[in-house]
Amino acid sequence: MDGLGAFLLPIWVAALTGYAIVCGVVGGEPGAPWWLRWPMPIWNAIAHDWRRPTPVPQRPDYAKIARLERELGIIEPEKPIRPARTVCLTKNCAGATTEIRTWSGMLAMRIHECEAP
């Protein structure tokens, strides 16, 4: 470095350090001018905003959705996991059909007990 650069470097460092201190102290106040306030939003974004948790989206209300589907008639009958292999062909059968569900409530199979009229 030549003599002038070696002389100006400490002055620049001192000026920038002083400006940073003034921006940090005065720039955080509500009525501060823009030339003192502009580093604060950038510093907040770098130092604080990345740590904020993202908001969790609300879960759908499945009970309400099911009720609306029933009211509108757009719900299809629930299909079992394992389809039944036999069908009751008795005319006017009065037998009961029992639904077997898993622990989570999913329909596993339907069992029909045929009773002839």
N, C-alpha and C. Protein backbone atom coordinates (compact mmCIF):
# COMPACT_ATOMS: atom_id res chain seq x y z
N MET A 1 0.84 -1.18 0.00
CA MET A 1 0.00 0.00 0.00
C MET A 1 0.88 1.24 0.00
N ASP A 2 0.39 2.20 -0.71
CA ASP A 2 1.14 3.46 -0.71
C ASP A 2 0.78 4.27 0.54
N GLY A 3 1.35 5.38 0.70
CA GLY A 3 1.19 6.18 1.91
C GLY A 3 -0.22 6.71 2.10
N LEU A 4 -0.90 7.10 1.00
CA LEU A 4 -2.25 7.66 1.11
C LEU A 4 -3.26 6.57 1.48
N GLY A 5 -3.11 5.37 0.88
CA GLY A 5 -4.03 4.26 1.18
C GLY A 5 -3.90 3.81 2.63
N ALA A 6 -2.68 3.77 3.11
CA ALA A 6 -2.45 3.37 4.50
C ALA A 6 -3.00 4.41 5.46
N PHE A 7 -3.08 5.64 5.00
CA PHE A 7 -3.61 6.72 5.83
C PHE A 7 -5.15 6.70 5.82
N LEU A 8 -5.78 6.41 4.63
CA LEU A 8 -7.23 6.47 4.51
C LEU A 8 -7.94 5.23 5.05
N LEU A 9 -7.27 4.09 5.04
CA LEU A 9 -7.92 2.86 5.48
C LEU A 9 -8.42 2.93 6.92
N PRO A 10 -7.64 3.37 7.88
CA PRO A 10 -8.18 3.47 9.24
C PRO A 10 -9.31 4.48 9.36
N ILE A 11 -9.26 5.53 8.54
CA ILE A 11 -10.33 6.53 8.57
C ILE A 11 -11.64 5.90 8.06
N TRP A 12 -11.56 5.13 6.96
CA TRP A 12 -12.74 4.46 6.41
C TRP A 12 -13.30 3.45 7.41
N VAL A 13 -12.43 2.68 8.02
CA VAL A 13 -12.88 1.69 9.00
C VAL A 13 -13.56 2.38 10.18
N ALA A 14 -12.97 3.47 10.66
CA ALA A 14 -13.56 4.20 11.78
C ALA A 14 -14.90 4.82 11.38
N ALA A 15 -14.98 5.37 10.16
CA ALA A 15 -16.24 5.98 9.70
C ALA A 15 -17.33 4.92 9.56
N LEU A 16 -17.02 3.78 8.97
CA LEU A 16 -18.03 2.73 8.81
C LEU A 16 -18.45 2.15 10.16
N THR A 17 -17.51 2.01 11.07
CA THR A 17 -17.85 1.52 12.40
C THR A 17 -18.75 2.51 13.13
N GLY A 18 -18.42 3.79 13.04
CA GLY A 18 -19.27 4.82 13.65
C GLY A 18 -20.66 4.85 13.04
N TYR A 19 -20.74 4.71 11.69
CA TYR A 19 -22.04 4.69 11.02
C TYR A 19 -22.85 3.48 11.46
N ALA A 20 -22.20 2.32 11.60
CA ALA A 20 -22.90 1.11 12.04
C ALA A 20 -23.43 1.28 13.46
N ILE A 21 -22.65 1.91 14.32
CA ILE A 21 -23.10 2.14 15.70
C ILE A 21 -24.28 3.09 15.73
N VAL A 22 -24.19 4.18 14.95
CA VAL A 22 -25.30 5.16 14.91
C VAL A 22 -26.56 4.50 14.34
N CYS A 23 -26.40 3.68 13.28
CA CYS A 23 -27.56 2.98 12.70
C CYS A 23 -28.18 2.03 13.72
N GLY A 24 -27.36 1.35 14.49
CA GLY A 24 -27.88 0.41 15.48
C GLY A 24 -28.58 1.09 16.63
N VAL A 25 -28.08 2.25 17.04
CA VAL A 25 -28.66 2.94 18.20
C VAL A 25 -29.85 3.79 17.78
N VAL A 26 -29.67 4.64 16.78
CA VAL A 26 -30.71 5.60 16.39
C VAL A 26 -31.67 4.99 15.37
N GLY A 27 -31.19 4.08 14.51
CA GLY A 27 -32.03 3.53 13.45
C GLY A 27 -33.14 2.64 13.95
N GLY A 28 -33.07 2.16 15.16
CA GLY A 28 -34.13 1.31 15.71
C GLY A 28 -35.31 2.08 16.24
N GLU A 29 -35.21 3.39 16.34
CA GLU A 29 -36.31 4.20 16.85
C GLU A 29 -37.34 4.44 15.75
N PRO A 30 -38.62 4.63 16.12
CA PRO A 30 -39.67 4.76 15.11
C PRO A 30 -39.53 5.96 14.18
N GLY A 31 -39.05 7.09 14.66
CA GLY A 31 -38.99 8.28 13.82
C GLY A 31 -37.65 8.50 13.14
N ALA A 32 -36.83 7.49 13.06
CA ALA A 32 -35.49 7.63 12.50
C ALA A 32 -35.55 7.85 10.99
N PRO A 33 -34.64 8.66 10.45
CA PRO A 33 -34.61 8.85 9.00
C PRO A 33 -34.18 7.57 8.28
N TRP A 34 -34.54 7.46 7.00
CA TRP A 34 -34.30 6.24 6.23
C TRP A 34 -32.81 5.90 6.13
N TRP A 35 -31.95 6.90 6.04
CA TRP A 35 -30.52 6.62 5.87
C TRP A 35 -29.90 6.02 7.12
N LEU A 36 -30.62 6.09 8.26
CA LEU A 36 -30.17 5.42 9.48
C LEU A 36 -30.97 4.13 9.75
N ARG A 37 -32.13 4.02 9.11
CA ARG A 37 -33.04 2.92 9.41
C ARG A 37 -32.88 1.72 8.48
N TRP A 38 -32.33 1.89 7.28
CA TRP A 38 -32.32 0.82 6.27
C TRP A 38 -31.59 -0.45 6.70
N PRO A 39 -30.53 -0.40 7.54
CA PRO A 39 -29.89 -1.68 7.89
C PRO A 39 -30.72 -2.55 8.85
N MET A 40 -31.65 -1.95 9.59
CA MET A 40 -32.39 -2.71 10.60
C MET A 40 -33.27 -3.80 9.99
N PRO A 41 -34.06 -3.55 8.94
CA PRO A 41 -34.85 -4.66 8.37
C PRO A 41 -33.97 -5.78 7.82
N ILE A 42 -32.83 -5.40 7.25
CA ILE A 42 -31.92 -6.43 6.72
C ILE A 42 -31.34 -7.24 7.88
N TRP A 43 -30.93 -6.57 8.94
CA TRP A 43 -30.38 -7.29 10.08
C TRP A 43 -31.44 -8.19 10.73
N ASN A 44 -32.68 -7.69 10.85
CA ASN A 44 -33.75 -8.52 11.41
C ASN A 44 -34.00 -9.75 10.56
N ALA A 45 -33.95 -9.58 9.24
CA ALA A 45 -34.16 -10.73 8.35
C ALA A 45 -33.04 -11.75 8.50
N ILE A 46 -31.81 -11.28 8.63
CA ILE A 46 -30.68 -12.20 8.75
C ILE A 46 -30.65 -12.85 10.13
N ALA A 47 -30.84 -12.06 11.17
CA ALA A 47 -30.62 -12.56 12.53
C ALA A 47 -31.84 -13.21 13.16
N HIS A 48 -33.05 -12.80 12.78
CA HIS A 48 -34.22 -13.25 13.53
C HIS A 48 -35.26 -13.98 12.70
N ASP A 49 -35.55 -13.54 11.49
CA ASP A 49 -36.67 -14.09 10.73
C ASP A 49 -36.49 -15.55 10.37
N TRP A 50 -35.29 -16.01 10.16
CA TRP A 50 -35.10 -17.40 9.75
C TRP A 50 -35.40 -18.38 10.87
N ARG A 51 -35.43 -17.90 12.12
CA ARG A 51 -35.69 -18.79 13.26
C ARG A 51 -37.16 -18.93 13.58
N ARG A 52 -38.01 -18.10 13.00
CA ARG A 52 -39.43 -18.18 13.31
C ARG A 52 -40.02 -19.45 12.71
N PRO A 53 -40.81 -20.17 13.48
CA PRO A 53 -41.41 -21.38 12.92
C PRO A 53 -42.48 -21.03 11.89
N THR A 54 -42.57 -21.84 10.88
CA THR A 54 -43.60 -21.62 9.87
C THR A 54 -44.95 -22.00 10.45
N PRO A 55 -45.98 -21.26 10.13
CA PRO A 55 -47.29 -21.60 10.68
C PRO A 55 -47.78 -22.93 10.12
N VAL A 56 -48.38 -23.71 10.99
CA VAL A 56 -48.89 -25.02 10.58
C VAL A 56 -50.28 -24.82 9.98
N PRO A 57 -50.50 -25.33 8.77
CA PRO A 57 -51.83 -25.16 8.18
C PRO A 57 -52.87 -25.95 8.97
N GLN A 58 -54.08 -25.44 8.98
CA GLN A 58 -55.14 -26.11 9.71
C GLN A 58 -55.51 -27.40 9.00
N ARG A 59 -55.80 -28.42 9.81
CA ARG A 59 -56.20 -29.70 9.23
C ARG A 59 -57.64 -29.61 8.75
N PRO A 60 -57.96 -30.32 7.69
CA PRO A 60 -59.34 -30.31 7.21
C PRO A 60 -60.28 -30.94 8.25
N ASP A 61 -61.49 -30.44 8.29
CA ASP A 61 -62.51 -30.98 9.19
C ASP A 61 -63.19 -32.14 8.46
N TYR A 62 -62.68 -33.35 8.67
CA TYR A 62 -63.17 -34.51 7.93
C TYR A 62 -64.62 -34.84 8.27
N ALA A 63 -65.03 -34.61 9.50
CA ALA A 63 -66.42 -34.88 9.87
C ALA A 63 -67.36 -33.96 9.11
N LYS A 64 -66.99 -32.70 8.98
CA LYS A 64 -67.82 -31.75 8.25
C LYS A 64 -67.86 -32.10 6.76
N ILE A 65 -66.71 -32.51 6.22
CA ILE A 65 -66.66 -32.89 4.80
C ILE A 65 -67.56 -34.10 4.56
N ALA A 66 -67.49 -35.09 5.44
CA ALA A 66 -68.33 -36.29 5.29
C ALA A 66 -69.81 -35.94 5.40
N ARG A 67 -70.16 -35.05 6.35
CA ARG A 67 -71.55 -34.66 6.50
C ARG A 67 -72.06 -33.94 5.25
N LEU A 68 -71.26 -33.04 4.70
CA LEU A 68 -71.67 -32.33 3.50
C LEU A 68 -71.80 -33.27 2.31
N GLU A 69 -70.90 -34.25 2.21
CA GLU A 69 -71.00 -35.22 1.12
C GLU A 69 -72.28 -36.05 1.25
N ARG A 70 -72.64 -36.42 2.48
CA ARG A 70 -73.88 -37.17 2.67
C ARG A 70 -75.09 -36.31 2.32
N GLU A 71 -75.07 -35.03 2.73
CA GLU A 71 -76.20 -34.15 2.44
C GLU A 71 -76.37 -33.93 0.94
N LEU A 72 -75.26 -33.81 0.24
CA LEU A 72 -75.33 -33.56 -1.20
C LEU A 72 -75.51 -34.84 -2.01
N GLY A 73 -75.35 -35.97 -1.36
CA GLY A 73 -75.53 -37.24 -2.06
C GLY A 73 -74.38 -37.60 -2.98
N ILE A 74 -73.21 -37.08 -2.73
CA ILE A 74 -72.08 -37.37 -3.61
C ILE A 74 -71.13 -38.41 -3.02
N ILE A 75 -71.51 -38.95 -1.88
CA ILE A 75 -70.63 -39.94 -1.26
C ILE A 75 -70.95 -41.32 -1.84
N GLU A 76 -69.92 -42.06 -2.15
CA GLU A 76 -70.10 -43.41 -2.65
C GLU A 76 -70.06 -44.37 -1.47
N PRO A 77 -70.71 -45.52 -1.61
CA PRO A 77 -70.61 -46.48 -0.50
C PRO A 77 -69.16 -46.91 -0.30
N GLU A 78 -68.82 -47.08 0.94
CA GLU A 78 -67.43 -47.43 1.27
C GLU A 78 -67.12 -48.84 0.80
N LYS A 79 -66.01 -48.98 0.10
CA LYS A 79 -65.62 -50.29 -0.41
C LYS A 79 -64.71 -50.97 0.60
N PRO A 80 -64.94 -52.26 0.85
CA PRO A 80 -64.08 -52.95 1.81
C PRO A 80 -62.69 -53.21 1.26
N ILE A 81 -61.76 -53.47 2.19
CA ILE A 81 -60.39 -53.78 1.79
C ILE A 81 -60.37 -55.08 0.99
N ARG A 82 -61.08 -56.11 1.51
CA ARG A 82 -61.17 -57.41 0.83
C ARG A 82 -62.58 -57.56 0.29
N PRO A 83 -62.75 -57.62 -1.01
CA PRO A 83 -64.10 -57.75 -1.56
C PRO A 83 -64.68 -59.12 -1.26
N ALA A 84 -65.99 -59.15 -1.06
CA ALA A 84 -66.67 -60.42 -0.80
C ALA A 84 -66.70 -61.24 -2.08
N ARG A 85 -66.51 -62.56 -1.94
CA ARG A 85 -66.47 -63.42 -3.12
C ARG A 85 -67.85 -63.97 -3.48
N THR A 86 -68.75 -64.01 -2.53
CA THR A 86 -70.09 -64.54 -2.81
C THR A 86 -71.12 -63.45 -2.63
N VAL A 87 -72.22 -63.61 -3.33
CA VAL A 87 -73.31 -62.65 -3.27
C VAL A 87 -74.58 -63.41 -2.92
N CYS A 88 -75.41 -62.83 -2.07
CA CYS A 88 -76.67 -63.47 -1.71
C CYS A 88 -77.66 -63.29 -2.86
N LEU A 89 -78.14 -64.40 -3.39
CA LEU A 89 -79.08 -64.35 -4.52
C LEU A 89 -80.50 -64.68 -4.09
N THR A 90 -80.74 -64.77 -2.79
CA THR A 90 -82.07 -65.08 -2.30
C THR A 90 -82.96 -63.86 -2.45
N LYS A 91 -84.11 -64.07 -3.06
CA LYS A 91 -85.04 -62.96 -3.27
C LYS A 91 -85.64 -62.53 -1.93
N ASN A 92 -85.71 -61.25 -1.69
CA ASN A 92 -86.25 -60.67 -0.46
C ASN A 92 -85.55 -61.22 0.79
N CYS A 93 -84.26 -61.32 0.74
CA CYS A 93 -83.48 -61.84 1.86
C CYS A 93 -83.58 -60.88 3.04
N ALA A 94 -83.85 -61.41 4.21
CA ALA A 94 -83.99 -60.59 5.42
C ALA A 94 -82.78 -60.74 6.33
N GLY A 95 -81.72 -61.30 5.82
CA GLY A 95 -80.53 -61.54 6.63
C GLY A 95 -79.77 -60.25 6.93
N ALA A 96 -79.04 -60.29 8.02
CA ALA A 96 -78.28 -59.12 8.45
C ALA A 96 -76.89 -59.13 7.81
N THR A 97 -76.39 -57.95 7.56
CA THR A 97 -75.03 -57.79 7.06
C THR A 97 -74.21 -57.13 8.15
N THR A 98 -73.13 -57.76 8.54
CA THR A 98 -72.26 -57.24 9.60
C THR A 98 -71.00 -56.66 8.96
N GLU A 99 -70.63 -55.47 9.40
CA GLU A 99 -69.41 -54.84 8.90
C GLU A 99 -68.29 -55.07 9.90
N ILE A 100 -67.15 -55.50 9.43
CA ILE A 100 -65.97 -55.68 10.27
C ILE A 100 -64.98 -54.58 9.89
N ARG A 101 -64.58 -53.81 10.90
CA ARG A 101 -63.71 -52.67 10.66
C ARG A 101 -62.37 -52.87 11.37
N THR A 102 -61.34 -52.19 10.86
CA THR A 102 -60.03 -52.23 11.48
C THR A 102 -60.03 -51.29 12.68
N TRP A 103 -58.92 -51.27 13.45
CA TRP A 103 -58.84 -50.38 14.61
C TRP A 103 -58.96 -48.93 14.20
N SER A 104 -58.49 -48.58 13.01
CA SER A 104 -58.56 -47.19 12.57
C SER A 104 -59.93 -46.81 12.03
N GLY A 105 -60.84 -47.79 11.91
CA GLY A 105 -62.19 -47.49 11.45
C GLY A 105 -62.42 -47.80 9.99
N MET A 106 -61.40 -48.27 9.28
CA MET A 106 -61.56 -48.59 7.87
C MET A 106 -62.34 -49.90 7.72
N LEU A 107 -63.24 -49.94 6.77
CA LEU A 107 -64.06 -51.12 6.54
C LEU A 107 -63.19 -52.24 5.99
N ALA A 108 -63.13 -53.36 6.71
CA ALA A 108 -62.31 -54.49 6.27
C ALA A 108 -63.13 -55.44 5.40
N MET A 109 -64.31 -55.83 5.85
CA MET A 109 -65.17 -56.72 5.05
C MET A 109 -66.59 -56.67 5.59
N ARG A 110 -67.52 -57.14 4.77
CA ARG A 110 -68.92 -57.27 5.16
C ARG A 110 -69.26 -58.76 5.16
N ILE A 111 -69.93 -59.20 6.20
CA ILE A 111 -70.36 -60.59 6.29
C ILE A 111 -71.88 -60.61 6.28
N HIS A 112 -72.44 -61.35 5.35
CA HIS A 112 -73.89 -61.43 5.21
C HIS A 112 -74.37 -62.80 5.66
N GLU A 113 -75.35 -62.82 6.54
CA GLU A 113 -75.97 -64.06 6.99
C GLU A 113 -77.34 -64.15 6.35
N CYS A 114 -77.48 -65.07 5.44
CA CYS A 114 -78.71 -65.18 4.65
C CYS A 114 -79.82 -65.85 5.47
N GLU A 115 -81.01 -65.27 5.41
CA GLU A 115 -82.20 -65.85 6.02
C GLU A 115 -83.30 -65.82 4.98
N ALA A 116 -83.72 -66.96 4.58
CA ALA A 116 -84.78 -67.04 3.57
C ALA A 116 -86.11 -66.61 4.20
N PRO A 117 -86.93 -65.88 3.45
CA PRO A 117 -88.22 -65.44 4.01
C PRO A 117 -89.22 -66.57 4.16
